[in-house]
Structure formats: structure tokens, C-alpha cells
Amino acid sequence: MNLWETTPIPWSSAHSLDTNPRIVYRGAVPRSGVAFQGIMPHYVWWRINRGVCHLRTEQESFTLREGEWVMIPAGIWRIQRFEPDNEIISIHFSCHWPSGIPALKTQGLLRGVTGTVPGLEACASRICDVLDAHVRPNRRNLMDYSPTLPDLLLFRSELPRFIAMLLGYAAREGGVLQRFQCEDPRLEHVLLDLRGSPRAGPLPYERWQRLTGLGRSHLERLARRHLGTGLHALRDRLLLLSAYRQLTGEPSLLVKQVAEELGFVDSSHFCRWFRQKTGQSPAAFRHQPV
């Protein structure tokens, strides 16, 4: 079962998906991940190899035990608490359209046990094996990882397989493919403008009206009809993705520099906005939990 079989995507648009690894980790839960509250702008997958994890979102609350796994969709607020001596496999990855919209929207957290998706855990282990063989144990953030060519080819073949199996299962369980394309070319002009350089502050409705001939209320109705969200929320999603890349890239920018790049009044304004969206400060976000 894979994403393309479950939810067909035209080839002309499939190549637009941005899929990248963010964190790959296998081992004891680090101190930074034992207790966490907030939002991640990418998908998070855990398998519990030993111990117990208590997990709560706005919709549900449950306990993960040894042999169970969970996928947390991008943009889901959560509280997590691992009990002592936990060991996990953790893979974070992005899979979104150029608009910043995640590829697949699920009803909630996706859960399973060993064998629910045949081959999924084995694929995750092979991804960890590639890293464990040549870099320091328990690697997490991949931004500073420089693989050899054979390792890169192996890694880039295994990760898409893992994502395809996981999102394919999510689609079969009721997940909905979210598209960045829309049927109305006037709205596409606005999306192109937003994707080009998302900036904080008031949205440029006057410029968009000159581009499309449509006023603010009409554009907002089109966005909700075709995208399922308002333009302000979409802009904030793009801002969060840009902030994430700049804070965790190599080399990463200072918080003050990120604030300036994204059009915030100052670093204090950016930090308040970032905490409101993610539940943590930009500095804490650099040291993400598993």
C-alpha cells in the first residue's frame, strides 16, 4: 500500500511535493524530549521500543506502550510525557506542497502496532542503520549530516519508501490529500505571491485586488472553498515553515536575523508570535524533542 495507489496524484503535480527528513533518532529518549508541549510543522513518527509514553492532543489522550507506534500530523498541538528509561525510534519528515500545506490531512493521530503496516518498522530500522554506521550514535537533527554517496543513495531510497507506506496507510484510514492547486486561476495568483516571500504584518489585499480584480471578502471565500483555510492562516503556516528552516538550517540564523528576514517589527514580536504558534521559544525550538 502506498500513497500513489491509495490517492492518485497527476504526475504534473506530484513532482511538486517537498519531502525531506528532519530528525532520525534511535535510542533512549533524550532529556529535551521527556516532557514537551507545542506544535511541530512536520510529521512525527515514533515507535516505542521500551517503556511508556503519555500523549495528549486537543481531541484525544492515550498511552503508547512497547511495540506500538504513532504518527503525529504536521501542525498538531500535543503534550507528551515519557516515563523513565524509554527507548524509541523517531523519524521526523516534511511532506508538503509549495504552498506549505502538508500533503495529507488526517482526522487525528495515526496509531498502529508491529505488523499493522508490513515492512514499516524494518524500513525505519534500515534508515537508522545508515546513520548509525557512519556518524555518532543517536543522531537527531540532520541539518549538519554530510553522507557519503552510497549512504546518500541508500538513505534517499529508504526514506521515500517509509513515507509512502506510512502516508498510504493514513490515506486508507480516512486521511485526505491536501492540494496546493486550485480550480480558480485568480486565487492561484495570490498563492504564488504568498509562496514567493511570506511576510509578517497586514496581508496585501490591495495588491491582490490589482492582480485578480477581487476584493478581500471574495478572495477569502475562494480560499476557504478551495483550500479549506483563510489566507491569513495560510500565510502564518508559510511563515512558520520559513522560520523553521532558518532556525535549524546550516548555518542557522540568529533570532534577530530571522525576525528581520520575515518582516517582524523586532525580535520580541517574532518570539511572541512563534511561541503562540508552537508553544515554545525560537531558542528552544533549535533543540527539538524527539
Protein backbone atom coordinates (compact mmCIF):
# COMPACT_ATOMS: atom_id res chain seq x y z
CA MET A 1 0.00 0.00 0.00
CA ASN A 2 1.43 3.41 -0.89
CA LEU A 3 0.24 6.96 -1.22
CA TRP A 4 0.07 6.92 -5.00
CA GLU A 5 -2.05 3.75 -5.15
CA THR A 6 -4.39 4.96 -2.43
CA THR A 7 -4.87 8.54 -3.60
CA PRO A 8 -3.79 9.05 -7.25
CA ILE A 9 -1.89 12.28 -7.96
CA PRO A 10 -1.35 13.60 -11.51
CA TRP A 11 2.32 13.33 -12.44
CA SER A 12 2.38 17.03 -13.34
CA SER A 13 1.70 17.96 -9.72
CA ALA A 14 3.30 15.03 -7.86
CA HIS A 15 6.80 16.34 -8.53
CA SER A 16 5.93 19.50 -6.57
CA LEU A 17 5.84 17.66 -3.24
CA ASP A 18 8.66 18.74 -0.93
CA THR A 19 9.76 15.68 1.05
CA ASN A 20 12.74 15.83 3.38
CA PRO A 21 14.00 14.17 6.57
CA ARG A 22 14.23 16.39 9.64
CA ILE A 23 15.22 14.15 12.55
CA VAL A 24 16.21 10.49 12.64
CA TYR A 25 16.84 9.05 16.09
CA ARG A 26 17.12 5.66 17.74
CA GLY A 27 17.90 5.16 21.41
CA ALA A 28 16.99 6.39 24.87
CA VAL A 29 14.67 9.39 24.94
CA PRO A 30 16.89 12.48 25.46
CA ARG A 31 16.14 14.85 28.30
CA SER A 32 14.75 17.51 25.94
CA GLY A 33 12.05 15.11 24.74
CA VAL A 34 10.84 13.61 28.02
CA ALA A 35 8.25 16.34 28.52
CA PHE A 36 7.09 18.63 25.73
CA GLN A 37 4.12 20.82 24.88
CA GLY A 38 3.70 22.52 21.50
CA ILE A 39 3.42 22.11 17.72
CA MET A 40 5.80 20.78 15.07
CA PRO A 41 5.48 21.97 11.44
CA HIS A 42 6.31 18.48 10.13
CA TYR A 43 5.18 14.87 10.57
CA VAL A 44 6.49 12.99 13.61
CA TRP A 45 6.61 9.17 13.84
CA TRP A 46 7.60 7.20 16.94
CA ARG A 47 7.85 3.52 17.69
CA ILE A 48 8.18 2.63 21.37
CA ASN A 49 10.95 0.04 21.75
CA ARG A 50 10.85 0.14 25.53
CA GLY A 51 8.78 1.96 28.11
CA VAL A 52 5.64 4.08 28.08
CA CYS A 53 4.66 7.46 26.63
CA HIS A 54 1.60 9.50 27.59
CA LEU A 55 0.32 11.63 24.72
CA ARG A 56 -2.49 14.16 24.59
CA THR A 57 -3.88 16.41 21.85
CA GLU A 58 -6.92 18.67 21.78
CA GLN A 59 -9.02 15.72 20.56
CA GLU A 60 -7.65 12.65 22.34
CA SER A 61 -5.47 11.25 25.09
CA PHE A 62 -3.82 7.83 25.30
CA THR A 63 -0.75 5.86 26.36
CA LEU A 64 1.75 4.30 23.97
CA ARG A 65 3.43 1.09 25.08
CA GLU A 66 6.22 -1.15 23.83
CA GLY A 67 5.65 -2.35 20.27
CA GLU A 68 3.20 0.45 19.42
CA TRP A 69 3.76 3.39 17.08
CA VAL A 70 2.11 6.71 16.34
CA MET A 71 2.23 9.32 13.58
CA ILE A 72 1.58 12.91 14.65
CA PRO A 73 0.45 15.03 11.68
CA ALA A 74 2.10 18.36 10.93
CA GLY A 75 0.64 21.27 12.86
CA ILE A 76 -1.00 19.21 15.64
CA TRP A 77 -0.68 20.61 19.17
CA ARG A 78 0.39 17.96 21.66
CA ILE A 79 1.59 17.29 25.19
CA GLN A 80 3.96 14.35 25.61
CA ARG A 81 5.48 12.73 28.67
CA PHE A 82 7.83 9.76 28.55
CA GLU A 83 8.40 7.64 31.62
CA PRO A 84 11.99 6.86 32.71
CA ASP A 85 14.21 4.53 30.66
CA ASN A 86 12.20 4.80 27.43
CA GLU A 87 13.77 3.78 24.12
CA ILE A 88 12.29 4.76 20.77
CA ILE A 89 12.78 5.09 17.05
CA SER A 90 11.81 8.59 15.95
CA ILE A 91 11.59 9.88 12.39
CA HIS A 92 10.51 13.45 11.62
CA PHE A 93 9.88 14.39 8.00
CA SER A 94 8.26 17.08 5.90
CA CYS A 95 5.94 16.23 3.04
CA HIS A 96 4.13 19.32 1.83
CA TRP A 97 3.16 21.29 -1.25
CA PRO A 98 5.00 24.52 -2.20
CA SER A 99 2.17 26.44 -0.51
CA GLY A 100 3.26 24.94 2.82
CA ILE A 101 0.14 22.78 3.12
CA PRO A 102 1.01 19.26 4.39
CA ALA A 103 0.41 16.57 1.76
CA LEU A 104 -2.08 14.62 3.85
CA LYS A 105 -4.58 15.70 6.48
CA THR A 106 -5.75 13.04 8.96
CA GLN A 107 -8.62 13.09 11.44
CA GLY A 108 -6.19 12.80 14.33
CA LEU A 109 -3.14 10.84 15.38
CA LEU A 110 -2.46 7.65 13.40
CA ARG A 111 -1.68 4.63 15.57
CA GLY A 112 -0.54 1.08 14.96
CA VAL A 113 1.36 -1.88 16.35
CA THR A 114 4.09 -4.06 14.91
CA GLY A 115 2.79 -5.52 11.65
CA THR A 116 -0.04 -3.02 11.12
CA VAL A 117 1.83 -1.74 8.06
CA PRO A 118 4.03 -4.66 6.91
CA GLY A 119 7.65 -3.63 6.50
CA LEU A 120 7.27 -0.18 8.09
CA GLU A 121 9.38 -0.82 11.19
CA ALA A 122 12.02 -2.70 9.16
CA CYS A 123 12.29 0.26 6.80
CA ALA A 124 12.64 2.67 9.73
CA SER A 125 15.41 0.49 11.17
CA ARG A 126 17.29 0.49 7.85
CA ILE A 127 17.14 4.29 7.80
CA CYS A 128 18.67 4.36 11.29
CA ASP A 129 21.28 1.77 10.29
CA VAL A 130 22.60 4.03 7.52
CA LEU A 131 23.22 6.81 10.03
CA ASP A 132 24.46 4.65 12.90
CA ALA A 133 27.11 3.02 10.71
CA HIS A 134 28.99 6.24 9.92
CA VAL A 135 28.05 9.01 12.34
CA ARG A 136 27.88 9.43 16.07
CA PRO A 137 25.19 7.31 17.76
CA ASN A 138 21.77 8.74 18.48
CA ARG A 139 21.94 11.43 15.80
CA ARG A 140 18.86 13.63 15.72
CA ASN A 141 18.95 16.79 13.60
CA LEU A 142 20.09 16.00 10.04
CA MET A 143 20.93 19.57 9.01
CA ASP A 144 24.66 19.04 9.57
CA TYR A 145 24.80 15.48 8.22
CA SER A 146 27.16 15.01 5.25
CA PRO A 147 26.71 11.43 3.98
CA THR A 148 28.91 9.52 1.58
CA LEU A 149 27.42 8.99 -1.87
CA PRO A 150 26.49 5.29 -1.27
CA ASP A 151 24.86 6.21 2.04
CA LEU A 152 23.02 9.12 0.46
CA LEU A 153 21.59 6.90 -2.28
CA LEU A 154 20.51 4.27 0.25
CA PHE A 155 19.02 6.85 2.57
CA ARG A 156 17.14 8.60 -0.24
CA SER A 157 15.65 5.29 -1.39
CA GLU A 158 14.56 4.11 2.04
CA LEU A 159 13.01 7.34 3.29
CA PRO A 160 10.52 7.76 0.39
CA ARG A 161 9.55 4.10 0.85
CA PHE A 162 8.91 4.71 4.54
CA ILE A 163 6.86 7.86 3.87
CA ALA A 164 4.87 6.15 1.10
CA MET A 165 3.93 3.23 3.36
CA LEU A 166 3.02 5.46 6.29
CA LEU A 167 1.01 8.08 4.39
CA GLY A 168 -0.54 5.38 2.21
CA TYR A 169 -1.89 3.71 5.33
CA ALA A 170 -3.07 7.09 6.64
CA ALA A 171 -4.95 7.72 3.38
CA ARG A 172 -6.59 4.30 3.59
CA GLU A 173 -7.69 5.12 7.14
CA GLY A 174 -9.50 8.27 6.07
CA GLY A 175 -6.75 10.81 5.50
CA VAL A 176 -7.42 13.45 2.85
CA LEU A 177 -4.88 14.56 0.27
CA GLN A 178 -4.47 18.32 0.51
CA ARG A 179 -3.63 20.04 -2.75
CA PHE A 180 -2.00 23.40 -3.31
CA GLN A 181 -3.53 23.73 -6.75
CA CYS A 182 -6.97 25.31 -7.04
CA GLU A 183 -9.56 25.46 -9.77
CA ASP A 184 -9.68 29.25 -9.83
CA PRO A 185 -6.64 30.87 -11.55
CA ARG A 186 -7.30 34.15 -9.75
CA LEU A 187 -6.63 32.51 -6.40
CA GLU A 188 -3.53 30.84 -7.83
CA HIS A 189 -2.06 34.32 -8.45
CA VAL A 190 -2.48 35.05 -4.75
CA LEU A 191 -0.89 31.73 -3.76
CA LEU A 192 2.11 32.39 -5.99
CA ASP A 193 2.54 35.78 -4.35
CA LEU A 194 2.30 34.27 -0.85
CA ARG A 195 4.70 31.43 -1.61
CA GLY A 196 7.27 33.80 -3.11
CA SER A 197 8.02 35.69 0.10
CA PRO A 198 5.71 35.30 3.09
CA ARG A 199 5.98 38.35 5.37
CA ALA A 200 4.53 39.26 8.75
CA GLY A 201 2.10 42.15 9.03
CA PRO A 202 -1.13 43.02 7.21
CA LEU A 203 -1.89 40.98 4.11
CA PRO A 204 -1.52 42.93 0.82
CA TYR A 205 -5.19 42.78 -0.24
CA GLU A 206 -4.86 45.93 -2.35
CA ARG A 207 -2.07 44.39 -4.43
CA TRP A 208 -4.05 41.18 -4.78
CA GLN A 209 -7.07 43.14 -5.93
CA ARG A 210 -4.97 44.72 -8.70
CA LEU A 211 -3.76 41.23 -9.67
CA THR A 212 -7.14 39.50 -9.61
CA GLY A 213 -9.87 42.13 -9.68
CA LEU A 214 -11.31 40.61 -6.48
CA GLY A 215 -11.78 42.26 -3.12
CA ARG A 216 -10.77 40.93 0.28
CA SER A 217 -14.02 39.15 1.17
CA HIS A 218 -14.23 37.44 -2.25
CA LEU A 219 -10.63 36.21 -2.04
CA GLU A 220 -11.20 34.88 1.47
CA ARG A 221 -14.31 32.98 0.34
CA LEU A 222 -12.35 31.45 -2.55
CA ALA A 223 -9.52 30.43 -0.21
CA ARG A 224 -11.87 28.70 2.23
CA ARG A 225 -13.71 26.95 -0.60
CA HIS A 226 -10.59 25.65 -2.39
CA LEU A 227 -8.02 25.41 0.40
CA GLY A 228 -10.13 24.86 3.49
CA THR A 229 -8.44 27.75 5.31
CA GLY A 230 -8.21 31.53 5.26
CA LEU A 231 -5.38 33.46 3.64
CA HIS A 232 -4.12 34.77 6.98
CA ALA A 233 -3.84 31.23 8.39
CA LEU A 234 -2.10 30.08 5.21
CA ARG A 235 0.38 32.96 5.40
CA ASP A 236 1.15 32.07 9.03
CA ARG A 237 1.74 28.45 8.03
CA LEU A 238 4.24 29.58 5.39
CA LEU A 239 5.91 31.93 7.88
CA LEU A 240 6.28 29.07 10.36
CA LEU A 241 7.91 26.86 7.74
CA SER A 242 10.31 29.66 6.76
CA ALA A 243 11.16 30.30 10.41
CA TYR A 244 11.76 26.60 10.96
CA ARG A 245 14.17 26.38 8.01
CA GLN A 246 16.11 29.46 9.05
CA LEU A 247 16.36 28.47 12.72
CA THR A 248 17.53 24.92 12.02
CA GLY A 249 19.43 25.37 8.74
CA GLU A 250 23.16 25.17 8.33
CA PRO A 251 24.31 27.74 9.21
CA SER A 252 21.30 28.79 11.28
CA LEU A 253 20.41 32.46 11.61
CA LEU A 254 20.20 34.43 14.82
CA VAL A 255 16.67 35.03 16.13
CA LYS A 256 17.07 38.73 15.36
CA GLN A 257 18.06 37.93 11.77
CA VAL A 258 15.10 35.59 11.29
CA ALA A 259 12.74 38.28 12.59
CA GLU A 260 14.13 40.78 10.09
CA GLU A 261 14.02 38.31 7.19
CA LEU A 262 10.34 37.53 7.85
CA GLY A 263 9.22 41.13 8.31
CA PHE A 264 8.51 41.23 12.04
CA VAL A 265 8.80 44.56 13.85
CA ASP A 266 11.57 43.23 16.09
CA SER A 267 12.82 40.00 17.66
CA SER A 268 10.43 40.34 20.64
CA HIS A 269 7.45 40.47 18.26
CA PHE A 270 8.75 37.40 16.42
CA CYS A 271 9.35 35.48 19.67
CA ARG A 272 5.81 36.20 20.93
CA TRP A 273 4.30 35.11 17.61
CA PHE A 274 6.46 31.97 17.45
CA ARG A 275 5.56 30.95 21.00
CA GLN A 276 1.87 31.48 20.27
CA LYS A 277 2.09 29.19 17.22
CA THR A 278 4.35 26.46 18.59
CA GLY A 279 4.18 26.64 22.38
CA GLN A 280 7.90 27.30 22.72
CA SER A 281 10.51 29.99 22.09
CA PRO A 282 12.64 30.06 18.90
CA ALA A 283 15.72 29.25 21.00
CA ALA A 284 14.05 26.16 22.48
CA PHE A 285 12.91 25.12 19.01
CA ARG A 286 16.53 24.70 17.91
CA HIS A 287 16.79 21.86 20.43
CA GLN A 288 13.68 19.98 19.43
CA PRO A 289 12.43 16.91 21.26
CA VAL A 290 12.27 13.55 19.60
